[in-house]
């Protein structure tokens, strides 16, 4: 039995699927199935009830899962302690970034940190704020950029950017020639939004509801470039952060939204009262100092 077998078992149990666990771990399904089978043979008990449509843990599987998670946590702490012994000569930092965030200036800060500490490596995960918060809470990520408000009882946060959303239209849309649009004028429009993993989705729906209508959502996506293409294809309208609008092509038009305007506030979050490696601590302190000046 080795730690990889236990980690694979935990992933299958948490996701309830061999295929989803394989996708999450970037390995093939036969590989993870074989690892679990070997683990079951070594332990002498079945870990999953495979007779039903939904994959369920056996009684033995539930007991072993609890112990496996304790072992995995101890192993992770051991790796962190070793990293700390090496100081900042080595280390690995896992950061969540929303794909709707114009990360150019943020990545320049990370580049400056890398010049100072070349032995420290980075893993970047693109996802919505809800998933990033969940992954930071579960220690899958060390830190992440999310849309405020966040869960202050769980996370420390450092706010560094606030900007308005703009209405994105096809150039021949009746509202495209206006310099500003009241939100109520969009009551009969078809909306293309980010998917439900994004807090921005909730912000937009809430603002529309406060303006007296519920948006008619015809499509959702996790990529702003795909949303841009859908708007350019006359499928509907969308709302995107001002910084993203600067990167849009000429096949769409960006218009200011008023009464009310819709803004988003970005912050860097990390787990409150949790063990953080020296590498992650140094990066957080370095980044906070750099972010005190407005991002350009």
Foldseek 3Di string as FASTA:
>chain_A
DDLVLLVLLLLCQVVQHLCVSCVVVVHDSVVSVVSQVVVCVVVVHRQWDPPDPTIHGDPVNVVVNVVSVVVNVVVVVVVLVVCVVVPLLAEEAEEEEEQLDPCVLVVVLVVVVCVVRVRYYYHYHYFAQQVRLVCLQVVVHQKYKYWDDDDVVWKDKDWQDKFFKWKKAFCPPPCQVDQEDELVVCQPWEEEEADPSHVVVVQVQVVSVVVPHGHHYDYHHRHVVVVLVCRLVVVTMYIGTPVVVVVHDPRIGIHAYPPPIGMIIMIMIHTPPDDDHSNSVVSVVSSSVVSVDHRD
